[in-house]
C-alpha cells in the first residue's frame, strides 16, 4: 500500500474505511490514527493491539484483544499459528489492490499541466527515478515533505526517520546527521537524504555547520515555495481568502548558505535538472544542498486536514 498514513495515502484511507478488523503492531493509536475514532475507522471495527509498553494498550480506544509483548515475537507466533499451508486469495485483496492502483494513477496526474515553478509531485517523480535504492531518508513536516512521503517508497528498516508523535518540525536536518553518523560507524557507505521545506529548515539551519565540521556528506533537499506552505493553505481554506498571516518567506538561496558553511549545493528549477543535480549531490564528499524551487500546492495530507475541519 505504500506509506501507511491515511492522511497522505488515499488508498490506505479507503482500505481503512472498508476493513472490519485492525491489527496494530508497535504503533501508537494517537492523533496520527485519529485516536482510533470514526473519522478514520468504521464504528463497528474490532481492534487487536500488540505493544511492548503496557501503557499504550487501549490508551485511546477500547480493544478487543490486547497483547503486551515484543512485536517480532508476536509476529513469529502468529506466523507459526497460521501454519505452512497457502491460504486462498480473498476478494478483499483485489479490492485493496484496486485502491492502490487508483491512488498511484491519481498521483501520476498531479503536475500534468507542466507549469513552472515545478509541482512538488513532479519533482518527487524525478527524484524517485534518480535516487538509488540504498539511500535512507530523514523526513520533516510540511506540505513539501508530505508530497514526498506520498510518492517515495520506504525500502529499509530504520531508514525512514520522521518527526515522531510530538511533531518536532525542523528535526529532519539534525536527524539526518545522526543517521549519517550511524552509517559511518557501521561502515555501510549509504547516503542520507534529508527532505524539508524552507519553513521547517529555519529551526536548525545552523546544523549545516555541524554536518560540515563532522564530515557528514548528507544530501539536504529543500522545497522552496517561499513560505510556510501547509499553514498558508490551512489559513486560506479557513478564511476563504488568499490573505494569510505570518506565512510568507523570502525565496532564499539555501544552497549558498550551505556553501558558506563549507559544503556545496545548487538550485534546481526544472524537472530536467533534477537527475543531474542528484548525481552531483550523491557524488559529493561534503554536505550538499539542493534548493528546489517549487509551487505551493496543497498536499493530500492538507486536503485531508481541511476536509476534516469542514465536517
C-alpha atoms as a PDB file:
ATOM      1  CA  UNK A   1       0.000   0.000   0.000  1.00  0.00           C
ATOM      2  CA  UNK A   2       2.948   2.327   0.458  1.00  0.00           C
ATOM      3  CA  UNK A   3       3.416   4.666   3.392  1.00  0.00           C
ATOM      4  CA  UNK A   4       0.520   3.736   5.671  1.00  0.00           C
ATOM      5  CA  UNK A   5      -0.564   7.218   6.686  1.00  0.00           C
ATOM      6  CA  UNK A   6      -4.260   7.581   5.866  1.00  0.00           C
ATOM      7  CA  UNK A   7      -3.925  11.351   5.779  1.00  0.00           C
ATOM      8  CA  UNK A   8      -1.420  11.047   2.928  1.00  0.00           C
ATOM      9  CA  UNK A   9      -2.395   7.906   1.098  1.00  0.00           C
ATOM     10  CA  UNK A  10      -5.983   7.716  -0.095  1.00  0.00           C
ATOM     11  CA  UNK A  11      -5.538   4.015  -0.839  1.00  0.00           C
ATOM     12  CA  UNK A  12      -4.866   3.396   2.853  1.00  0.00           C
ATOM     13  CA  UNK A  13      -7.736   5.666   3.850  1.00  0.00           C
ATOM     14  CA  UNK A  14     -10.127   3.777   1.547  1.00  0.00           C
ATOM     15  CA  UNK A  15      -8.972   0.414   2.863  1.00  0.00           C
ATOM     16  CA  UNK A  16      -9.330   1.573   6.473  1.00  0.00           C
ATOM     17  CA  UNK A  17     -12.899   2.709   5.844  1.00  0.00           C
ATOM     18  CA  UNK A  18     -13.837  -0.726   4.463  1.00  0.00           C
ATOM     19  CA  UNK A  19     -11.995  -3.012   6.886  1.00  0.00           C
ATOM     20  CA  UNK A  20     -13.651  -4.643   9.900  1.00  0.00           C
ATOM     21  CA  UNK A  21     -10.583  -5.801  11.850  1.00  0.00           C
ATOM     22  CA  UNK A  22      -7.327  -3.958  12.600  1.00  0.00           C
ATOM     23  CA  UNK A  23      -4.094  -5.448  13.910  1.00  0.00           C
ATOM     24  CA  UNK A  24      -1.988  -2.576  15.280  1.00  0.00           C
ATOM     25  CA  UNK A  25       1.631  -3.593  15.861  1.00  0.00           C
ATOM     26  CA  UNK A  26       4.006  -1.304  17.752  1.00  0.00           C
ATOM     27  CA  UNK A  27       2.133   1.779  16.585  1.00  0.00           C
ATOM     28  CA  UNK A  28       0.565   4.345  18.883  1.00  0.00           C
ATOM     29  CA  UNK A  29      -3.128   4.898  18.348  1.00  0.00           C
ATOM     30  CA  UNK A  30      -2.722   8.654  18.608  1.00  0.00           C
ATOM     31  CA  UNK A  31      -3.662  11.706  16.552  1.00  0.00           C
ATOM     32  CA  UNK A  32      -1.939  10.180  13.522  1.00  0.00           C
ATOM     33  CA  UNK A  33      -4.596   7.461  13.590  1.00  0.00           C
ATOM     34  CA  UNK A  34      -7.434   9.822  14.557  1.00  0.00           C
ATOM     35  CA  UNK A  35      -7.288   8.447  18.115  1.00  0.00           C
ATOM     36  CA  UNK A  36      -8.845   5.270  16.743  1.00  0.00           C
ATOM     37  CA  UNK A  37     -12.087   7.175  16.137  1.00  0.00           C
ATOM     38  CA  UNK A  38     -14.739   7.181  13.445  1.00  0.00           C
ATOM     39  CA  UNK A  39     -13.068   9.906  11.412  1.00  0.00           C
ATOM     40  CA  UNK A  40     -10.862   7.106  10.110  1.00  0.00           C
ATOM     41  CA  UNK A  41     -12.225   3.748  11.278  1.00  0.00           C
ATOM     42  CA  UNK A  42     -15.683   2.152  10.934  1.00  0.00           C
ATOM     43  CA  UNK A  43     -17.639   2.404  14.165  1.00  0.00           C
ATOM     44  CA  UNK A  44     -18.007  -1.368  14.436  1.00  0.00           C
ATOM     45  CA  UNK A  45     -14.353  -2.167  13.684  1.00  0.00           C
ATOM     46  CA  UNK A  46     -12.536  -4.546  16.016  1.00  0.00           C
ATOM     47  CA  UNK A  47      -9.006  -3.828  17.236  1.00  0.00           C
ATOM     48  CA  UNK A  48      -6.101  -6.057  18.239  1.00  0.00           C
ATOM     49  CA  UNK A  49      -3.112  -4.115  19.551  1.00  0.00           C
ATOM     50  CA  UNK A  50       0.376  -5.505  20.106  1.00  0.00           C
ATOM     51  CA  UNK A  51       2.822  -3.339  22.029  1.00  0.00           C
ATOM     52  CA  UNK A  52       5.779  -3.856  24.325  1.00  0.00           C
ATOM     53  CA  UNK A  53       4.601  -0.994  26.565  1.00  0.00           C
ATOM     54  CA  UNK A  54       1.526  -1.902  28.578  1.00  0.00           C
ATOM     55  CA  UNK A  55       0.501   1.734  28.995  1.00  0.00           C
ATOM     56  CA  UNK A  56      -0.060   2.032  25.223  1.00  0.00           C
ATOM     57  CA  UNK A  57      -2.626  -0.754  25.140  1.00  0.00           C
ATOM     58  CA  UNK A  58      -6.140   0.649  24.942  1.00  0.00           C
ATOM     59  CA  UNK A  59      -4.888   4.154  25.697  1.00  0.00           C
ATOM     60  CA  UNK A  60      -7.221   5.979  23.314  1.00  0.00           C
ATOM     61  CA  UNK A  61      -9.785   3.371  22.315  1.00  0.00           C
ATOM     62  CA  UNK A  62     -11.298   0.147  23.556  1.00  0.00           C
ATOM     63  CA  UNK A  63      -9.527  -3.004  22.334  1.00  0.00           C
ATOM     64  CA  UNK A  64     -10.939  -6.419  21.563  1.00  0.00           C
ATOM     65  CA  UNK A  65      -7.564  -8.075  22.192  1.00  0.00           C
ATOM     66  CA  UNK A  66      -4.518  -6.530  23.900  1.00  0.00           C
ATOM     67  CA  UNK A  67      -1.149  -8.291  23.669  1.00  0.00           C
ATOM     68  CA  UNK A  68       1.715  -6.913  25.745  1.00  0.00           C
ATOM     69  CA  UNK A  69       4.772  -8.386  24.069  1.00  0.00           C
ATOM     70  CA  UNK A  70       7.589  -7.793  21.627  1.00  0.00           C
ATOM     71  CA  UNK A  71       6.351  -7.174  18.067  1.00  0.00           C
ATOM     72  CA  UNK A  72       8.776  -9.623  16.463  1.00  0.00           C
ATOM     73  CA  UNK A  73       7.950 -12.388  18.903  1.00  0.00           C
ATOM     74  CA  UNK A  74       4.234 -11.809  18.352  1.00  0.00           C
ATOM     75  CA  UNK A  75       4.570 -11.913  14.558  1.00  0.00           C
ATOM     76  CA  UNK A  76       6.646 -15.088  14.693  1.00  0.00           C
ATOM     77  CA  UNK A  77       3.992 -16.723  16.893  1.00  0.00           C
ATOM     78  CA  UNK A  78       1.196 -15.587  14.567  1.00  0.00           C
ATOM     79  CA  UNK A  79       3.097 -16.912  11.546  1.00  0.00           C
ATOM     80  CA  UNK A  80       3.591 -20.272  13.253  1.00  0.00           C
ATOM     81  CA  UNK A  81      -0.097 -20.410  14.200  1.00  0.00           C
ATOM     82  CA  UNK A  82      -1.104 -19.671  10.603  1.00  0.00           C
ATOM     83  CA  UNK A  83       0.628 -22.864   9.510  1.00  0.00           C
ATOM     84  CA  UNK A  84       2.552 -23.745   6.340  1.00  0.00           C
ATOM     85  CA  UNK A  85      -0.436 -24.087   4.018  1.00  0.00           C
ATOM     86  CA  UNK A  86      -1.172 -21.395   1.427  1.00  0.00           C
ATOM     87  CA  UNK A  87      -4.336 -19.502   2.250  1.00  0.00           C
ATOM     88  CA  UNK A  88      -6.794 -18.970  -0.615  1.00  0.00           C
ATOM     89  CA  UNK A  89      -6.884 -15.456  -2.026  1.00  0.00           C
ATOM     90  CA  UNK A  90      -9.930 -13.482  -0.939  1.00  0.00           C
ATOM     91  CA  UNK A  91     -11.887 -10.863  -2.926  1.00  0.00           C
ATOM     92  CA  UNK A  92     -10.754  -8.329  -0.315  1.00  0.00           C
ATOM     93  CA  UNK A  93      -7.201  -8.470  -1.674  1.00  0.00           C
ATOM     94  CA  UNK A  94      -8.399  -7.468  -5.135  1.00  0.00           C
ATOM     95  CA  UNK A  95     -10.335  -4.591  -3.640  1.00  0.00           C
ATOM     96  CA  UNK A  96      -7.270  -3.376  -1.769  1.00  0.00           C
ATOM     97  CA  UNK A  97      -5.186  -3.647  -4.954  1.00  0.00           C
ATOM     98  CA  UNK A  98      -7.770  -1.552  -6.778  1.00  0.00           C
ATOM     99  CA  UNK A  99      -7.465   1.138  -4.083  1.00  0.00           C
ATOM    100  CA  UNK A 100      -3.688   1.113  -4.573  1.00  0.00           C
ATOM    101  CA  UNK A 101      -3.860   1.262  -8.367  1.00  0.00           C
ATOM    102  CA  UNK A 102      -6.331   4.150  -8.291  1.00  0.00           C
ATOM    103  CA  UNK A 103      -4.125   6.087  -5.881  1.00  0.00           C
ATOM    104  CA  UNK A 104      -0.990   5.574  -7.965  1.00  0.00           C
ATOM    105  CA  UNK A 105      -2.873   6.720 -11.061  1.00  0.00           C
ATOM    106  CA  UNK A 106      -4.042   9.814  -9.202  1.00  0.00           C
ATOM    107  CA  UNK A 107      -0.517  10.644  -8.040  1.00  0.00           C
ATOM    108  CA  UNK A 108       0.775  10.339 -11.598  1.00  0.00           C
ATOM    109  CA  UNK A 109      -1.656  13.031 -12.752  1.00  0.00           C
ATOM    110  CA  UNK A 110      -0.528  15.707 -10.298  1.00  0.00           C
ATOM    111  CA  UNK A 111       1.510  18.331 -12.124  1.00  0.00           C
ATOM    112  CA  UNK A 112       0.426  17.156 -15.577  1.00  0.00           C
ATOM    113  CA  UNK A 113      -0.153  20.781 -16.584  1.00  0.00           C
ATOM    114  CA  UNK A 114       3.656  21.216 -16.780  1.00  0.00           C
ATOM    115  CA  UNK A 115       3.722  24.691 -15.241  1.00  0.00           C
ATOM    116  CA  UNK A 116       6.634  26.387 -13.524  1.00  0.00           C
ATOM    117  CA  UNK A 117       7.589  26.517 -10.710  1.00  0.00           C
ATOM    118  CA  UNK A 118       7.518  22.730 -10.532  1.00  0.00           C
ATOM    119  CA  UNK A 119       4.649  20.928  -8.867  1.00  0.00           C
ATOM    120  CA  UNK A 120       6.089  19.019  -5.860  1.00  0.00           C
ATOM    121  CA  UNK A 121       4.707  15.735  -7.235  1.00  0.00           C
ATOM    122  CA  UNK A 122       6.645  16.283 -10.466  1.00  0.00           C
ATOM    123  CA  UNK A 123       9.848  16.856  -8.508  1.00  0.00           C
ATOM    124  CA  UNK A 124       9.377  13.702  -6.442  1.00  0.00           C
ATOM    125  CA  UNK A 125       8.690  11.601  -9.525  1.00  0.00           C
ATOM    126  CA  UNK A 126      12.016  12.765 -10.927  1.00  0.00           C
ATOM    127  CA  UNK A 127      13.729  12.256  -7.578  1.00  0.00           C
ATOM    128  CA  UNK A 128      12.377   8.708  -7.242  1.00  0.00           C
ATOM    129  CA  UNK A 129      13.862   7.842 -10.635  1.00  0.00           C
ATOM    130  CA  UNK A 130      17.212   9.451  -9.794  1.00  0.00           C
ATOM    131  CA  UNK A 131      17.907   8.108  -6.295  1.00  0.00           C
ATOM    132  CA  UNK A 132      19.498   4.673  -5.830  1.00  0.00           C
ATOM    133  CA  UNK A 133      17.534   2.189  -3.733  1.00  0.00           C
ATOM    134  CA  UNK A 134      20.114   2.091  -0.939  1.00  0.00           C
ATOM    135  CA  UNK A 135      19.618   5.687   0.257  1.00  0.00           C
ATOM    136  CA  UNK A 136      17.979   6.342   3.625  1.00  0.00           C
ATOM    137  CA  UNK A 137      15.573   9.181   4.373  1.00  0.00           C
ATOM    138  CA  UNK A 138      15.085  11.746   7.103  1.00  0.00           C
ATOM    139  CA  UNK A 139      11.722  13.500   6.690  1.00  0.00           C
ATOM    140  CA  UNK A 140      10.399  16.765   8.012  1.00  0.00           C
ATOM    141  CA  UNK A 141       6.837  18.023   8.253  1.00  0.00           C
ATOM    142  CA  UNK A 142       5.131  20.467   5.932  1.00  0.00           C
ATOM    143  CA  UNK A 143       3.443  20.119   2.572  1.00  0.00           C
ATOM    144  CA  UNK A 144       6.632  19.581   0.537  1.00  0.00           C
ATOM    145  CA  UNK A 145       7.658  16.612   2.675  1.00  0.00           C
ATOM    146  CA  UNK A 146       4.101  15.278   2.672  1.00  0.00           C
ATOM    147  CA  UNK A 147       4.145  15.157  -1.138  1.00  0.00           C
ATOM    148  CA  UNK A 148       7.360  13.147  -0.918  1.00  0.00           C
ATOM    149  CA  UNK A 149       6.062  10.697   1.662  1.00  0.00           C
ATOM    150  CA  UNK A 150       3.054  10.089  -0.563  1.00  0.00           C
ATOM    151  CA  UNK A 151       5.331   9.376  -3.532  1.00  0.00           C
ATOM    152  CA  UNK A 152       8.564   7.680  -2.424  1.00  0.00           C
ATOM    153  CA  UNK A 153       8.703   4.116  -1.086  1.00  0.00           C
ATOM    154  CA  UNK A 154      10.331   3.157   2.208  1.00  0.00           C
ATOM    155  CA  UNK A 155      12.717   0.298   1.473  1.00  0.00           C
ATOM    156  CA  UNK A 156      14.890  -0.214   4.554  1.00  0.00           C
ATOM    157  CA  UNK A 157      14.123  -0.814   8.217  1.00  0.00           C
ATOM    158  CA  UNK A 158      15.282   2.150  10.266  1.00  0.00           C
ATOM    159  CA  UNK A 159      15.836   4.176   7.100  1.00  0.00           C
ATOM    160  CA  UNK A 160      12.720   6.339   7.108  1.00  0.00           C
ATOM    161  CA  UNK A 161      13.020   8.742  10.047  1.00  0.00           C
ATOM    162  CA  UNK A 162      10.150  11.082  10.808  1.00  0.00           C
ATOM    163  CA  UNK A 163       9.191  13.712  13.343  1.00  0.00           C
ATOM    164  CA  UNK A 164       7.672  11.332  15.871  1.00  0.00           C
ATOM    165  CA  UNK A 165       4.477  11.720  17.891  1.00  0.00           C
ATOM    166  CA  UNK A 166       5.336  15.230  19.103  1.00  0.00           C
ATOM    167  CA  UNK A 167       5.615  16.629  15.561  1.00  0.00           C
ATOM    168  CA  UNK A 168       9.032  18.219  16.119  1.00  0.00           C
ATOM    169  CA  UNK A 169       9.135  20.406  13.000  1.00  0.00           C
ATOM    170  CA  UNK A 170      12.665  21.065  11.722  1.00  0.00           C
ATOM    171  CA  UNK A 171      14.197  17.870  13.095  1.00  0.00           C
ATOM    172  CA  UNK A 172      14.948  16.282   9.718  1.00  0.00           C
ATOM    173  CA  UNK A 173      18.342  18.007   9.445  1.00  0.00           C
ATOM    174  CA  UNK A 174      19.705  17.000  12.888  1.00  0.00           C
ATOM    175  CA  UNK A 175      18.109  13.561  12.500  1.00  0.00           C
ATOM    176  CA  UNK A 176      19.881  13.122   9.179  1.00  0.00           C
ATOM    177  CA  UNK A 177      23.240  13.836  10.821  1.00  0.00           C
ATOM    178  CA  UNK A 178      22.664  11.098  13.391  1.00  0.00           C
ATOM    179  CA  UNK A 179      21.566   8.709  10.658  1.00  0.00           C
ATOM    180  CA  UNK A 180      24.620   9.527   8.524  1.00  0.00           C
ATOM    181  CA  UNK A 181      26.920   9.129  11.523  1.00  0.00           C
ATOM    182  CA  UNK A 182      25.407   5.701  12.185  1.00  0.00           C
ATOM    183  CA  UNK A 183      26.222   4.708   8.595  1.00  0.00           C
ATOM    184  CA  UNK A 184      29.822   5.875   9.104  1.00  0.00           C
ATOM    185  CA  UNK A 185      30.130   3.830  12.290  1.00  0.00           C
ATOM    186  CA  UNK A 186      28.619   0.797  10.587  1.00  0.00           C
ATOM    187  CA  UNK A 187      30.794   1.442   7.521  1.00  0.00           C
ATOM    188  CA  UNK A 188      27.845   0.880   5.182  1.00  0.00           C
ATOM    189  CA  UNK A 189      28.597   3.892   2.982  1.00  0.00           C
ATOM    190  CA  UNK A 190      24.906   4.689   2.499  1.00  0.00           C
ATOM    191  CA  UNK A 191      23.986   8.283   1.773  1.00  0.00           C
ATOM    192  CA  UNK A 192      21.273  10.040   3.776  1.00  0.00           C
ATOM    193  CA  UNK A 193      18.719  12.258   2.089  1.00  0.00           C
ATOM    194  CA  UNK A 194      17.044  14.849   4.323  1.00  0.00           C
ATOM    195  CA  UNK A 195      13.825  16.281   2.895  1.00  0.00           C
ATOM    196  CA  UNK A 196      12.442  19.506   4.323  1.00  0.00           C
ATOM    197  CA  UNK A 197      10.634  22.681   3.419  1.00  0.00           C
ATOM    198  CA  UNK A 198      12.050  26.172   3.624  1.00  0.00           C
ATOM    199  CA  UNK A 199       9.951  26.966   6.692  1.00  0.00           C
ATOM    200  CA  UNK A 200      10.968  23.902   8.694  1.00  0.00           C
ATOM    201  CA  UNK A 201      14.638  24.308   7.758  1.00  0.00           C
ATOM    202  CA  UNK A 202      14.772  27.593   9.651  1.00  0.00           C
ATOM    203  CA  UNK A 203      14.594  25.839  13.020  1.00  0.00           C
ATOM    204  CA  UNK A 204      18.011  24.149  12.745  1.00  0.00           C
ATOM    205  CA  UNK A 205      19.625  25.744   9.715  1.00  0.00           C
ATOM    206  CA  UNK A 206      22.930  26.183  11.576  1.00  0.00           C
ATOM    207  CA  UNK A 207      23.283  22.393  11.759  1.00  0.00           C
ATOM    208  CA  UNK A 208      24.660  22.708   8.233  1.00  0.00           C
ATOM    209  CA  UNK A 209      27.805  23.777  10.070  1.00  0.00           C
ATOM    210  CA  UNK A 210      27.651  20.605  12.184  1.00  0.00           C
ATOM    211  CA  UNK A 211      27.399  18.483   9.046  1.00  0.00           C
ATOM    212  CA  UNK A 212      30.487  20.139   7.540  1.00  0.00           C
ATOM    213  CA  UNK A 213      32.558  20.018  10.737  1.00  0.00           C
ATOM    214  CA  UNK A 214      31.862  16.340  11.274  1.00  0.00           C
ATOM    215  CA  UNK A 215      32.319  15.459   7.586  1.00  0.00           C
ATOM    216  CA  UNK A 216      28.810  14.036   7.196  1.00  0.00           C
ATOM    217  CA  UNK A 217      28.023  14.195   3.466  1.00  0.00           C
ATOM    218  CA  UNK A 218      24.236  14.281   3.700  1.00  0.00           C
ATOM    219  CA  UNK A 219      22.074  15.403   0.795  1.00  0.00           C
ATOM    220  CA  UNK A 220      19.741  18.136   2.031  1.00  0.00           C
ATOM    221  CA  UNK A 221      16.741  18.742  -0.237  1.00  0.00           C
ATOM    222  CA  UNK A 222      14.830  21.941   0.484  1.00  0.00           C
ATOM    223  CA  UNK A 223      11.447  22.534  -1.131  1.00  0.00           C
ATOM    224  CA  UNK A 224      11.430  26.296  -1.616  1.00  0.00           C
ATOM    225  CA  UNK A 225       7.998  27.834  -2.122  1.00  0.00           C
ATOM    226  CA  UNK A 226       8.877  30.960  -0.135  1.00  0.00           C
ATOM    227  CA  UNK A 227       6.525  30.255   2.715  1.00  0.00           C
ATOM    228  CA  UNK A 228       5.013  28.067   5.386  1.00  0.00           C
ATOM    229  CA  UNK A 229       3.085  26.148   2.751  1.00  0.00           C
ATOM    230  CA  UNK A 230       0.898  23.936   4.918  1.00  0.00           C
ATOM    231  CA  UNK A 231      -0.079  26.779   7.233  1.00  0.00           C
ATOM    232  CA  UNK A 232      -0.706  29.039   4.256  1.00  0.00           C
ATOM    233  CA  UNK A 233      -3.116  26.508   2.761  1.00  0.00           C
ATOM    234  CA  UNK A 234      -4.907  25.908   6.056  1.00  0.00           C
ATOM    235  CA  UNK A 235      -5.360  29.638   6.632  1.00  0.00           C
ATOM    236  CA  UNK A 236      -6.641  30.334   3.130  1.00  0.00           C
ATOM    237  CA  UNK A 237      -9.083  27.412   3.389  1.00  0.00           C
ATOM    238  CA  UNK A 238     -10.362  28.604   6.766  1.00  0.00           C
ATOM    239  CA  UNK A 239     -10.904  32.206   5.663  1.00  0.00           C
ATOM    240  CA  UNK A 240     -11.755  31.684   2.003  1.00  0.00           C
ATOM    241  CA  UNK A 241      -9.169  34.304   1.155  1.00  0.00           C
ATOM    242  CA  UNK A 242      -5.672  34.341  -0.273  1.00  0.00           C
ATOM    243  CA  UNK A 243      -4.635  36.715   2.519  1.00  0.00           C
ATOM    244  CA  UNK A 244      -2.608  34.956   5.215  1.00  0.00           C
ATOM    245  CA  UNK A 245      -0.801  35.920   8.412  1.00  0.00           C
ATOM    246  CA  UNK A 246       2.908  35.218   9.042  1.00  0.00           C
ATOM    247  CA  UNK A 247       3.170  32.593   6.283  1.00  0.00           C
ATOM    248  CA  UNK A 248       5.397  34.286   3.707  1.00  0.00           C
ATOM    249  CA  UNK A 249       9.190  33.914   3.498  1.00  0.00           C
ATOM    250  CA  UNK A 250      11.898  35.097   1.158  1.00  0.00           C
ATOM    251  CA  UNK A 251      12.826  32.803  -1.708  1.00  0.00           C
ATOM    252  CA  UNK A 252      16.289  32.394  -0.219  1.00  0.00           C
ATOM    253  CA  UNK A 253      19.301  30.603  -1.716  1.00  0.00           C
ATOM    254  CA  UNK A 254      19.754  27.815   0.814  1.00  0.00           C
ATOM    255  CA  UNK A 255      22.371  26.196  -1.401  1.00  0.00           C
ATOM    256  CA  UNK A 256      24.542  29.303  -0.928  1.00  0.00           C
ATOM    257  CA  UNK A 257      24.041  29.050   2.838  1.00  0.00           C
ATOM    258  CA  UNK A 258      25.410  25.512   2.723  1.00  0.00           C
ATOM    259  CA  UNK A 259      28.362  26.716   0.640  1.00  0.00           C
ATOM    260  CA  UNK A 260      29.034  29.466   3.179  1.00  0.00           C
ATOM    261  CA  UNK A 261      29.364  26.818   5.879  1.00  0.00           C
ATOM    262  CA  UNK A 262      31.839  24.870   3.736  1.00  0.00           C
ATOM    263  CA  UNK A 263      29.527  22.437   1.978  1.00  0.00           C
ATOM    264  CA  UNK A 264      28.216  22.581  -1.564  1.00  0.00           C
ATOM    265  CA  UNK A 265      24.918  22.839  -3.397  1.00  0.00           C
ATOM    266  CA  UNK A 266      22.877  24.214  -6.261  1.00  0.00           C
ATOM    267  CA  UNK A 267      19.402  25.453  -7.151  1.00  0.00           C
ATOM    268  CA  UNK A 268      17.040  23.206  -9.122  1.00  0.00           C
ATOM    269  CA  UNK A 269      14.212  24.810 -11.095  1.00  0.00           C
ATOM    270  CA  UNK A 270      13.075  22.344 -13.791  1.00  0.00           C
ATOM    271  CA  UNK A 271      12.377  18.594 -13.966  1.00  0.00           C
ATOM    272  CA  UNK A 272      15.268  18.118 -16.399  1.00  0.00           C
ATOM    273  CA  UNK A 273      17.706  19.472 -13.821  1.00  0.00           C
ATOM    274  CA  UNK A 274      16.741  17.015 -11.079  1.00  0.00           C
ATOM    275  CA  UNK A 275      18.650  13.858 -12.090  1.00  0.00           C
ATOM    276  CA  UNK A 276      21.979  15.592 -12.882  1.00  0.00           C
ATOM    277  CA  UNK A 277      21.762  17.602  -9.658  1.00  0.00           C
ATOM    278  CA  UNK A 278      21.046  14.467  -7.623  1.00  0.00           C
ATOM    279  CA  UNK A 279      24.025  12.708  -9.216  1.00  0.00           C
ATOM    280  CA  UNK A 280      26.320  15.592  -8.255  1.00  0.00           C
ATOM    281  CA  UNK A 281      24.908  15.630  -4.724  1.00  0.00           C
ATOM    282  CA  UNK A 282      25.445  11.900  -4.235  1.00  0.00           C
ATOM    283  CA  UNK A 283      28.982  12.108  -5.614  1.00  0.00           C
ATOM    284  CA  UNK A 284      29.882  14.973  -3.285  1.00  0.00           C
ATOM    285  CA  UNK A 285      32.192  14.297  -0.368  1.00  0.00           C
ATOM    286  CA  UNK A 286      30.768  17.243   1.586  1.00  0.00           C
ATOM    287  CA  UNK A 287      27.196  18.063   2.679  1.00  0.00           C
ATOM    288  CA  UNK A 288      25.222  19.111  -0.400  1.00  0.00           C
ATOM    289  CA  UNK A 289      22.065  21.223  -0.518  1.00  0.00           C
ATOM    290  CA  UNK A 290      19.566  21.084  -3.369  1.00  0.00           C
ATOM    291  CA  UNK A 291      17.476  24.249  -3.229  1.00  0.00           C
ATOM    292  CA  UNK A 292      14.397  23.187  -5.196  1.00  0.00           C
ATOM    293  CA  UNK A 293      12.041  25.869  -6.497  1.00  0.00           C
ATOM    294  CA  UNK A 294       8.514  24.506  -6.224  1.00  0.00           C
ATOM    295  CA  UNK A 295       4.947  25.691  -6.480  1.00  0.00           C
ATOM    296  CA  UNK A 296       2.938  25.912  -3.262  1.00  0.00           C
ATOM    297  CA  UNK A 297       0.241  23.229  -3.648  1.00  0.00           C
ATOM    298  CA  UNK A 298      -1.935  21.508  -1.053  1.00  0.00           C
ATOM    299  CA  UNK A 299      -0.645  18.029  -0.310  1.00  0.00           C
ATOM    300  CA  UNK A 300      -3.038  15.099   0.230  1.00  0.00           C
ATOM    301  CA  UNK A 301      -2.300  15.496   3.951  1.00  0.00           C
ATOM    302  CA  UNK A 302      -3.502  19.094   3.939  1.00  0.00           C
ATOM    303  CA  UNK A 303      -6.555  18.249   1.866  1.00  0.00           C
ATOM    304  CA  UNK A 304      -7.445  15.612   4.476  1.00  0.00           C
ATOM    305  CA  UNK A 305      -6.966  18.101   7.309  1.00  0.00           C
ATOM    306  CA  UNK A 306      -9.172  20.695   5.596  1.00  0.00           C
ATOM    307  CA  UNK A 307     -11.884  18.139   4.822  1.00  0.00           C
ATOM    308  CA  UNK A 308     -11.921  17.073   8.494  1.00  0.00           C
ATOM    309  CA  UNK A 309     -12.316  20.645   9.709  1.00  0.00           C
ATOM    310  CA  UNK A 310     -15.274  21.247   7.384  1.00  0.00           C
ATOM    311  CA  UNK A 311     -17.259  18.317   8.804  1.00  0.00           C
END
